[in-house]
Amino acid sequence: MSDCAAPDCQSIDPLVTPYVDGELPEADRLRLDAHVGRCPPCRERLDAERSVREMLRQEHAALCREHAPLAL
C-alpha cells in the first residue's frame, strides 16, 4: 500500500495491479488516472508496480524453466 493515508488512497491501492495488467474497467481506470495525477505517493506505487510487471515480462522464460539453473 502507498504511504499516503487518505481514504481515497486506500481505495485506489487494490486497483493498481489490475490497472497495470490492463484489466481495470474504464470507470476505475479513469478514477485511478485522476488520483495518481494529484498524489505523488500513489503515482510512485503505480510506477513500482509497472516496473515489477516489466521485470517479470522480461524474465518470463527464465522463470518458467522446468529445472533450476545450474548456478543454484
PDB file of N, CA and C in Angstrom:
ATOM      1  N   MET A   1       0.834  -1.166   0.000  1.00  0.00           N
ATOM      2  CA  MET A   1       0.000   0.000   0.000  1.00  0.00           C
ATOM      3  C   MET A   1       0.884   1.235   0.000  1.00  0.00           C
ATOM      4  N   SER A   2       0.368   2.345  -0.517  1.00  0.00           N
ATOM      5  CA  SER A   2       1.139   3.578  -0.558  1.00  0.00           C
ATOM      6  C   SER A   2       1.293   4.152   0.843  1.00  0.00           C
ATOM      7  N   ASP A   3       2.224   5.118   0.979  1.00  0.00           N
ATOM      8  CA  ASP A   3       2.432   5.798   2.240  1.00  0.00           C
ATOM      9  C   ASP A   3       1.357   6.835   2.505  1.00  0.00           C
ATOM     10  N   CYS A   4       0.571   7.157   1.525  1.00  0.00           N
ATOM     11  CA  CYS A   4      -0.476   8.147   1.656  1.00  0.00           C
ATOM     12  C   CYS A   4      -1.613   7.533   2.468  1.00  0.00           C
ATOM     13  N   ALA A   5      -2.134   8.275   3.411  1.00  0.00           N
ATOM     14  CA  ALA A   5      -3.138   7.716   4.314  1.00  0.00           C
ATOM     15  C   ALA A   5      -4.554   8.171   4.008  1.00  0.00           C
ATOM     16  N   ALA A   6      -4.733   8.985   2.988  1.00  0.00           N
ATOM     17  CA  ALA A   6      -6.073   9.468   2.666  1.00  0.00           C
ATOM     18  C   ALA A   6      -6.978   8.297   2.301  1.00  0.00           C
ATOM     19  N   PRO A   7      -8.262   8.385   2.670  1.00  0.00           N
ATOM     20  CA  PRO A   7      -9.186   7.291   2.327  1.00  0.00           C
ATOM     21  C   PRO A   7      -9.205   6.977   0.835  1.00  0.00           C
ATOM     22  N   ASP A   8      -9.084   8.011  -0.006  1.00  0.00           N
ATOM     23  CA  ASP A   8      -9.076   7.776  -1.448  1.00  0.00           C
ATOM     24  C   ASP A   8      -7.875   6.918  -1.842  1.00  0.00           C
ATOM     25  N   CYS A   9      -6.728   7.124  -1.196  1.00  0.00           N
ATOM     26  CA  CYS A   9      -5.524   6.337  -1.492  1.00  0.00           C
ATOM     27  C   CYS A   9      -5.750   4.865  -1.149  1.00  0.00           C
ATOM     28  N   GLN A  10      -6.407   4.630  -0.024  1.00  0.00           N
ATOM     29  CA  GLN A  10      -6.679   3.251   0.378  1.00  0.00           C
ATOM     30  C   GLN A  10      -7.621   2.564  -0.597  1.00  0.00           C
ATOM     31  N   SER A  11      -8.551   3.310  -1.174  1.00  0.00           N
ATOM     32  CA  SER A  11      -9.477   2.702  -2.134  1.00  0.00           C
ATOM     33  C   SER A  11      -8.807   2.478  -3.488  1.00  0.00           C
ATOM     34  N   ILE A  12      -7.762   3.218  -3.788  1.00  0.00           N
ATOM     35  CA  ILE A  12      -7.041   3.103  -5.058  1.00  0.00           C
ATOM     36  C   ILE A  12      -6.094   1.904  -5.051  1.00  0.00           C
ATOM     37  N   ASP A  13      -5.488   1.611  -3.907  1.00  0.00           N
ATOM     38  CA  ASP A  13      -4.445   0.594  -3.847  1.00  0.00           C
ATOM     39  C   ASP A  13      -4.833  -0.749  -4.468  1.00  0.00           C
ATOM     40  N   PRO A  14      -6.021  -1.309  -4.192  1.00  0.00           N
ATOM     41  CA  PRO A  14      -6.364  -2.600  -4.805  1.00  0.00           C
ATOM     42  C   PRO A  14      -6.568  -2.539  -6.320  1.00  0.00           C
ATOM     43  N   LEU A  15      -6.659  -1.327  -6.866  1.00  0.00           N
ATOM     44  CA  LEU A  15      -6.868  -1.181  -8.306  1.00  0.00           C
ATOM     45  C   LEU A  15      -5.559  -1.149  -9.098  1.00  0.00           C
ATOM     46  N   VAL A  16      -4.438  -0.974  -8.403  1.00  0.00           N
ATOM     47  CA  VAL A  16      -3.166  -0.756  -9.091  1.00  0.00           C
ATOM     48  C   VAL A  16      -2.766  -1.956  -9.950  1.00  0.00           C
ATOM     49  N   THR A  17      -2.786  -3.148  -9.398  1.00  0.00           N
ATOM     50  CA  THR A  17      -2.358  -4.321 -10.170  1.00  0.00           C
ATOM     51  C   THR A  17      -3.269  -4.569 -11.375  1.00  0.00           C
ATOM     52  N   PRO A  18      -4.601  -4.572 -11.213  1.00  0.00           N
ATOM     53  CA  PRO A  18      -5.438  -4.747 -12.400  1.00  0.00           C
ATOM     54  C   PRO A  18      -5.254  -3.621 -13.419  1.00  0.00           C
ATOM     55  N   TYR A  19      -4.960  -2.408 -12.946  1.00  0.00           N
ATOM     56  CA  TYR A  19      -4.701  -1.289 -13.850  1.00  0.00           C
ATOM     57  C   TYR A  19      -3.487  -1.585 -14.715  1.00  0.00           C
ATOM     58  N   VAL A  20      -2.397  -1.973 -14.077  1.00  0.00           N
ATOM     59  CA  VAL A  20      -1.149  -2.258 -14.799  1.00  0.00           C
ATOM     60  C   VAL A  20      -1.333  -3.451 -15.734  1.00  0.00           C
ATOM     61  N   ASP A  21      -2.152  -4.404 -15.336  1.00  0.00           N
ATOM     62  CA  ASP A  21      -2.398  -5.585 -16.168  1.00  0.00           C
ATOM     63  C   ASP A  21      -3.413  -5.324 -17.281  1.00  0.00           C
ATOM     64  N   GLY A  22      -3.974  -4.118 -17.329  1.00  0.00           N
ATOM     65  CA  GLY A  22      -4.950  -3.785 -18.366  1.00  0.00           C
ATOM     66  C   GLY A  22      -6.303  -4.439 -18.156  1.00  0.00           C
ATOM     67  N   GLU A  23      -6.628  -4.779 -16.906  1.00  0.00           N
ATOM     68  CA  GLU A  23      -7.862  -5.497 -16.603  1.00  0.00           C
ATOM     69  C   GLU A  23      -8.881  -4.647 -15.845  1.00  0.00           C
ATOM     70  N   LEU A  24      -8.625  -3.362 -15.738  1.00  0.00           N
ATOM     71  CA  LEU A  24      -9.493  -2.499 -14.948  1.00  0.00           C
ATOM     72  C   LEU A  24     -10.592  -1.892 -15.825  1.00  0.00           C
ATOM     73  N   PRO A  25     -11.842  -1.917 -15.358  1.00  0.00           N
ATOM     74  CA  PRO A  25     -12.911  -1.263 -16.112  1.00  0.00           C
ATOM     75  C   PRO A  25     -12.593   0.225 -16.304  1.00  0.00           C
ATOM     76  N   GLU A  26     -13.111   0.798 -17.368  1.00  0.00           N
ATOM     77  CA  GLU A  26     -12.777   2.179 -17.725  1.00  0.00           C
ATOM     78  C   GLU A  26     -13.058   3.170 -16.603  1.00  0.00           C
ATOM     79  N   ALA A  27     -14.174   3.046 -15.918  1.00  0.00           N
ATOM     80  CA  ALA A  27     -14.510   3.997 -14.853  1.00  0.00           C
ATOM     81  C   ALA A  27     -13.452   3.972 -13.751  1.00  0.00           C
ATOM     82  N   ASP A  28     -13.027   2.791 -13.360  1.00  0.00           N
ATOM     83  CA  ASP A  28     -11.987   2.674 -12.327  1.00  0.00           C
ATOM     84  C   ASP A  28     -10.644   3.167 -12.855  1.00  0.00           C
ATOM     85  N   ARG A  29     -10.355   2.899 -14.114  1.00  0.00           N
ATOM     86  CA  ARG A  29      -9.098   3.362 -14.714  1.00  0.00           C
ATOM     87  C   ARG A  29      -9.040   4.884 -14.708  1.00  0.00           C
ATOM     88  N   LEU A  30     -10.134   5.511 -15.077  1.00  0.00           N
ATOM     89  CA  LEU A  30     -10.187   6.973 -15.088  1.00  0.00           C
ATOM     90  C   LEU A  30     -10.045   7.549 -13.682  1.00  0.00           C
ATOM     91  N   ARG A  31     -10.653   6.887 -12.706  1.00  0.00           N
ATOM     92  CA  ARG A  31     -10.538   7.324 -11.312  1.00  0.00           C
ATOM     93  C   ARG A  31      -9.098   7.212 -10.833  1.00  0.00           C
ATOM     94  N   LEU A  32      -8.442   6.105 -11.159  1.00  0.00           N
ATOM     95  CA  LEU A  32      -7.047   5.931 -10.764  1.00  0.00           C
ATOM     96  C   LEU A  32      -6.154   6.947 -11.473  1.00  0.00           C
ATOM     97  N   ASP A  33      -6.382   7.173 -12.766  1.00  0.00           N
ATOM     98  CA  ASP A  33      -5.609   8.173 -13.509  1.00  0.00           C
ATOM     99  C   ASP A  33      -5.707   9.540 -12.843  1.00  0.00           C
ATOM    100  N   ALA A  34      -6.921   9.939 -12.493  1.00  0.00           N
ATOM    101  CA  ALA A  34      -7.128  11.247 -11.863  1.00  0.00           C
ATOM    102  C   ALA A  34      -6.425  11.306 -10.512  1.00  0.00           C
ATOM    103  N   HIS A  35      -6.516  10.233  -9.748  1.00  0.00           N
ATOM    104  CA  HIS A  35      -5.911  10.220  -8.420  1.00  0.00           C
ATOM    105  C   HIS A  35      -4.395  10.299  -8.492  1.00  0.00           C
ATOM    106  N   VAL A  36      -3.777   9.463  -9.303  1.00  0.00           N
ATOM    107  CA  VAL A  36      -2.306   9.477  -9.358  1.00  0.00           C
ATOM    108  C   VAL A  36      -1.781  10.763  -9.978  1.00  0.00           C
ATOM    109  N   GLY A  37      -2.624  11.474 -10.712  1.00  0.00           N
ATOM    110  CA  GLY A  37      -2.224  12.762 -11.251  1.00  0.00           C
ATOM    111  C   GLY A  37      -2.026  13.816 -10.179  1.00  0.00           C
ATOM    112  N   ARG A  38      -2.638  13.595  -9.014  1.00  0.00           N
ATOM    113  CA  ARG A  38      -2.517  14.576  -7.932  1.00  0.00           C
ATOM    114  C   ARG A  38      -1.904  13.997  -6.656  1.00  0.00           C
ATOM    115  N   CYS A  39      -1.497  12.737  -6.677  1.00  0.00           N
ATOM    116  CA  CYS A  39      -0.985  12.092  -5.460  1.00  0.00           C
ATOM    117  C   CYS A  39       0.365  11.425  -5.742  1.00  0.00           C
ATOM    118  N   PRO A  40       1.464  12.100  -5.423  1.00  0.00           N
ATOM    119  CA  PRO A  40       2.793  11.523  -5.703  1.00  0.00           C
ATOM    120  C   PRO A  40       3.042  10.151  -5.071  1.00  0.00           C
ATOM    121  N   PRO A  41       2.637   9.890  -3.811  1.00  0.00           N
ATOM    122  CA  PRO A  41       2.891   8.544  -3.268  1.00  0.00           C
ATOM    123  C   PRO A  41       2.187   7.438  -4.060  1.00  0.00           C
ATOM    124  N   CYS A  42       0.962   7.699  -4.484  1.00  0.00           N
ATOM    125  CA  CYS A  42       0.246   6.684  -5.263  1.00  0.00           C
ATOM    126  C   CYS A  42       0.823   6.557  -6.668  1.00  0.00           C
ATOM    127  N   ARG A  43       1.301   7.655  -7.230  1.00  0.00           N
ATOM    128  CA  ARG A  43       1.964   7.608  -8.535  1.00  0.00           C
ATOM    129  C   ARG A  43       3.232   6.758  -8.429  1.00  0.00           C
ATOM    130  N   GLU A  44       3.979   6.900  -7.338  1.00  0.00           N
ATOM    131  CA  GLU A  44       5.172   6.078  -7.124  1.00  0.00           C
ATOM    132  C   GLU A  44       4.799   4.603  -6.987  1.00  0.00           C
ATOM    133  N   ARG A  45       3.692   4.324  -6.295  1.00  0.00           N
ATOM    134  CA  ARG A  45       3.208   2.945  -6.147  1.00  0.00           C
ATOM    135  C   ARG A  45       2.879   2.355  -7.512  1.00  0.00           C
ATOM    136  N   LEU A  46       2.213   3.138  -8.352  1.00  0.00           N
ATOM    137  CA  LEU A  46       1.865   2.697  -9.700  1.00  0.00           C
ATOM    138  C   LEU A  46       3.123   2.454 -10.533  1.00  0.00           C
ATOM    139  N   ASP A  47       4.084   3.356 -10.446  1.00  0.00           N
ATOM    140  CA  ASP A  47       5.345   3.195 -11.176  1.00  0.00           C
ATOM    141  C   ASP A  47       6.087   1.942 -10.722  1.00  0.00           C
ATOM    142  N   ALA A  48       6.081   1.668  -9.415  1.00  0.00           N
ATOM    143  CA  ALA A  48       6.747   0.471  -8.893  1.00  0.00           C
ATOM    144  C   ALA A  48       6.072  -0.792  -9.426  1.00  0.00           C
ATOM    145  N   GLU A  49       4.755  -0.793  -9.441  1.00  0.00           N
ATOM    146  CA  GLU A  49       4.013  -1.956  -9.964  1.00  0.00           C
ATOM    147  C   GLU A  49       4.319  -2.171 -11.438  1.00  0.00           C
ATOM    148  N   ARG A  50       4.402  -1.084 -12.196  1.00  0.00           N
ATOM    149  CA  ARG A  50       4.758  -1.204 -13.619  1.00  0.00           C
ATOM    150  C   ARG A  50       6.165  -1.784 -13.777  1.00  0.00           C
ATOM    151  N   SER A  51       7.078  -1.357 -12.937  1.00  0.00           N
ATOM    152  CA  SER A  51       8.459  -1.860 -13.007  1.00  0.00           C
ATOM    153  C   SER A  51       8.511  -3.352 -12.726  1.00  0.00           C
ATOM    154  N   VAL A  52       7.781  -3.785 -11.723  1.00  0.00           N
ATOM    155  CA  VAL A  52       7.748  -5.220 -11.393  1.00  0.00           C
ATOM    156  C   VAL A  52       7.152  -6.005 -12.553  1.00  0.00           C
ATOM    157  N   ARG A  53       6.063  -5.522 -13.118  1.00  0.00           N
ATOM    158  CA  ARG A  53       5.432  -6.218 -14.248  1.00  0.00           C
ATOM    159  C   ARG A  53       6.397  -6.322 -15.427  1.00  0.00           C
ATOM    160  N   GLU A  54       7.114  -5.244 -15.712  1.00  0.00           N
ATOM    161  CA  GLU A  54       8.063  -5.244 -16.823  1.00  0.00           C
ATOM    162  C   GLU A  54       9.215  -6.225 -16.551  1.00  0.00           C
ATOM    163  N   MET A  55       9.712  -6.247 -15.320  1.00  0.00           N
ATOM    164  CA  MET A  55      10.776  -7.188 -14.974  1.00  0.00           C
ATOM    165  C   MET A  55      10.300  -8.632 -15.147  1.00  0.00           C
ATOM    166  N   LEU A  56       9.109  -8.916 -14.691  1.00  0.00           N
ATOM    167  CA  LEU A  56       8.565 -10.270 -14.849  1.00  0.00           C
ATOM    168  C   LEU A  56       8.377 -10.630 -16.321  1.00  0.00           C
ATOM    169  N   ARG A  57       7.937  -9.670 -17.111  1.00  0.00           N
ATOM    170  CA  ARG A  57       7.772  -9.917 -18.543  1.00  0.00           C
ATOM    171  C   ARG A  57       9.117 -10.245 -19.179  1.00  0.00           C
ATOM    172  N   GLN A  58      10.143  -9.505 -18.817  1.00  0.00           N
ATOM    173  CA  GLN A  58      11.474  -9.714 -19.385  1.00  0.00           C
ATOM    174  C   GLN A  58      12.083 -11.038 -18.934  1.00  0.00           C
ATOM    175  N   GLU A  59      11.774 -11.462 -17.728  1.00  0.00           N
ATOM    176  CA  GLU A  59      12.371 -12.677 -17.174  1.00  0.00           C
ATOM    177  C   GLU A  59      11.462 -13.896 -17.280  1.00  0.00           C
ATOM    178  N   HIS A  60      10.379 -13.785 -18.011  1.00  0.00           N
ATOM    179  CA  HIS A  60       9.383 -14.854 -18.087  1.00  0.00           C
ATOM    180  C   HIS A  60       9.995 -16.205 -18.459  1.00  0.00           C
ATOM    181  N   ALA A  61      10.796 -16.241 -19.491  1.00  0.00           N
ATOM    182  CA  ALA A  61      11.373 -17.518 -19.944  1.00  0.00           C
ATOM    183  C   ALA A  61      12.226 -18.149 -18.845  1.00  0.00           C
ATOM    184  N   ALA A  62      13.041 -17.356 -18.198  1.00  0.00           N
ATOM    185  CA  ALA A  62      13.899 -17.884 -17.142  1.00  0.00           C
ATOM    186  C   ALA A  62      13.077 -18.359 -15.947  1.00  0.00           C
ATOM    187  N   LEU A  63      12.011 -17.679 -15.650  1.00  0.00           N
ATOM    188  CA  LEU A  63      11.169 -18.045 -14.502  1.00  0.00           C
ATOM    189  C   LEU A  63      10.349 -19.297 -14.770  1.00  0.00           C
ATOM    190  N   CYS A  64      10.160 -19.648 -16.026  1.00  0.00           N
ATOM    191  CA  CYS A  64       9.320 -20.790 -16.376  1.00  0.00           C
ATOM    192  C   CYS A  64      10.121 -22.056 -16.714  1.00  0.00           C
ATOM    193  N   ARG A  65      11.389 -22.057 -16.446  1.00  0.00           N
ATOM    194  CA  ARG A  65      12.197 -23.254 -16.699  1.00  0.00           C
ATOM    195  C   ARG A  65      11.711 -24.422 -15.856  1.00  0.00           C
ATOM    196  N   GLU A  66      11.849 -25.618 -16.427  1.00  0.00           N
ATOM    197  CA  GLU A  66      11.478 -26.812 -15.664  1.00  0.00           C
ATOM    198  C   GLU A  66      12.496 -27.135 -14.586  1.00  0.00           C
ATOM    199  N   HIS A  67      13.740 -26.759 -14.812  1.00  0.00           N
ATOM    200  CA  HIS A  67      14.800 -27.094 -13.873  1.00  0.00           C
ATOM    201  C   HIS A  67      15.456 -25.823 -13.380  1.00  0.00           C
ATOM    202  N   ALA A  68      15.951 -25.888 -12.172  1.00  0.00           N
ATOM    203  CA  ALA A  68      16.664 -24.743 -11.627  1.00  0.00           C
ATOM    204  C   ALA A  68      17.979 -24.560 -12.371  1.00  0.00           C
ATOM    205  N   PRO A  69      18.433 -23.325 -12.507  1.00  0.00           N
ATOM    206  CA  PRO A  69      19.726 -23.086 -13.157  1.00  0.00           C
ATOM    207  C   PRO A  69      20.861 -23.817 -12.415  1.00  0.00           C
ATOM    208  N   LEU A  70      21.861 -24.244 -13.134  1.00  0.00           N
ATOM    209  CA  LEU A  70      22.990 -24.948 -12.531  1.00  0.00           C
ATOM    210  C   LEU A  70      23.702 -24.096 -11.486  1.00  0.00           C
ATOM    211  N   ALA A  71      23.637 -22.786 -11.630  1.00  0.00           N
ATOM    212  CA  ALA A  71      24.291 -21.893 -10.693  1.00  0.00           C
ATOM    213  C   ALA A  71      23.738 -22.014  -9.282  1.00  0.00           C
ATOM    214  N   LEU A  72      22.541 -22.553  -9.144  1.00  0.00           N
ATOM    215  CA  LEU A  72      21.985 -22.731  -7.807  1.00  0.00           C
ATOM    216  C   LEU A  72      22.706 -23.857  -7.129  1.00  0.00           C
TER     217      LEU A  72
END
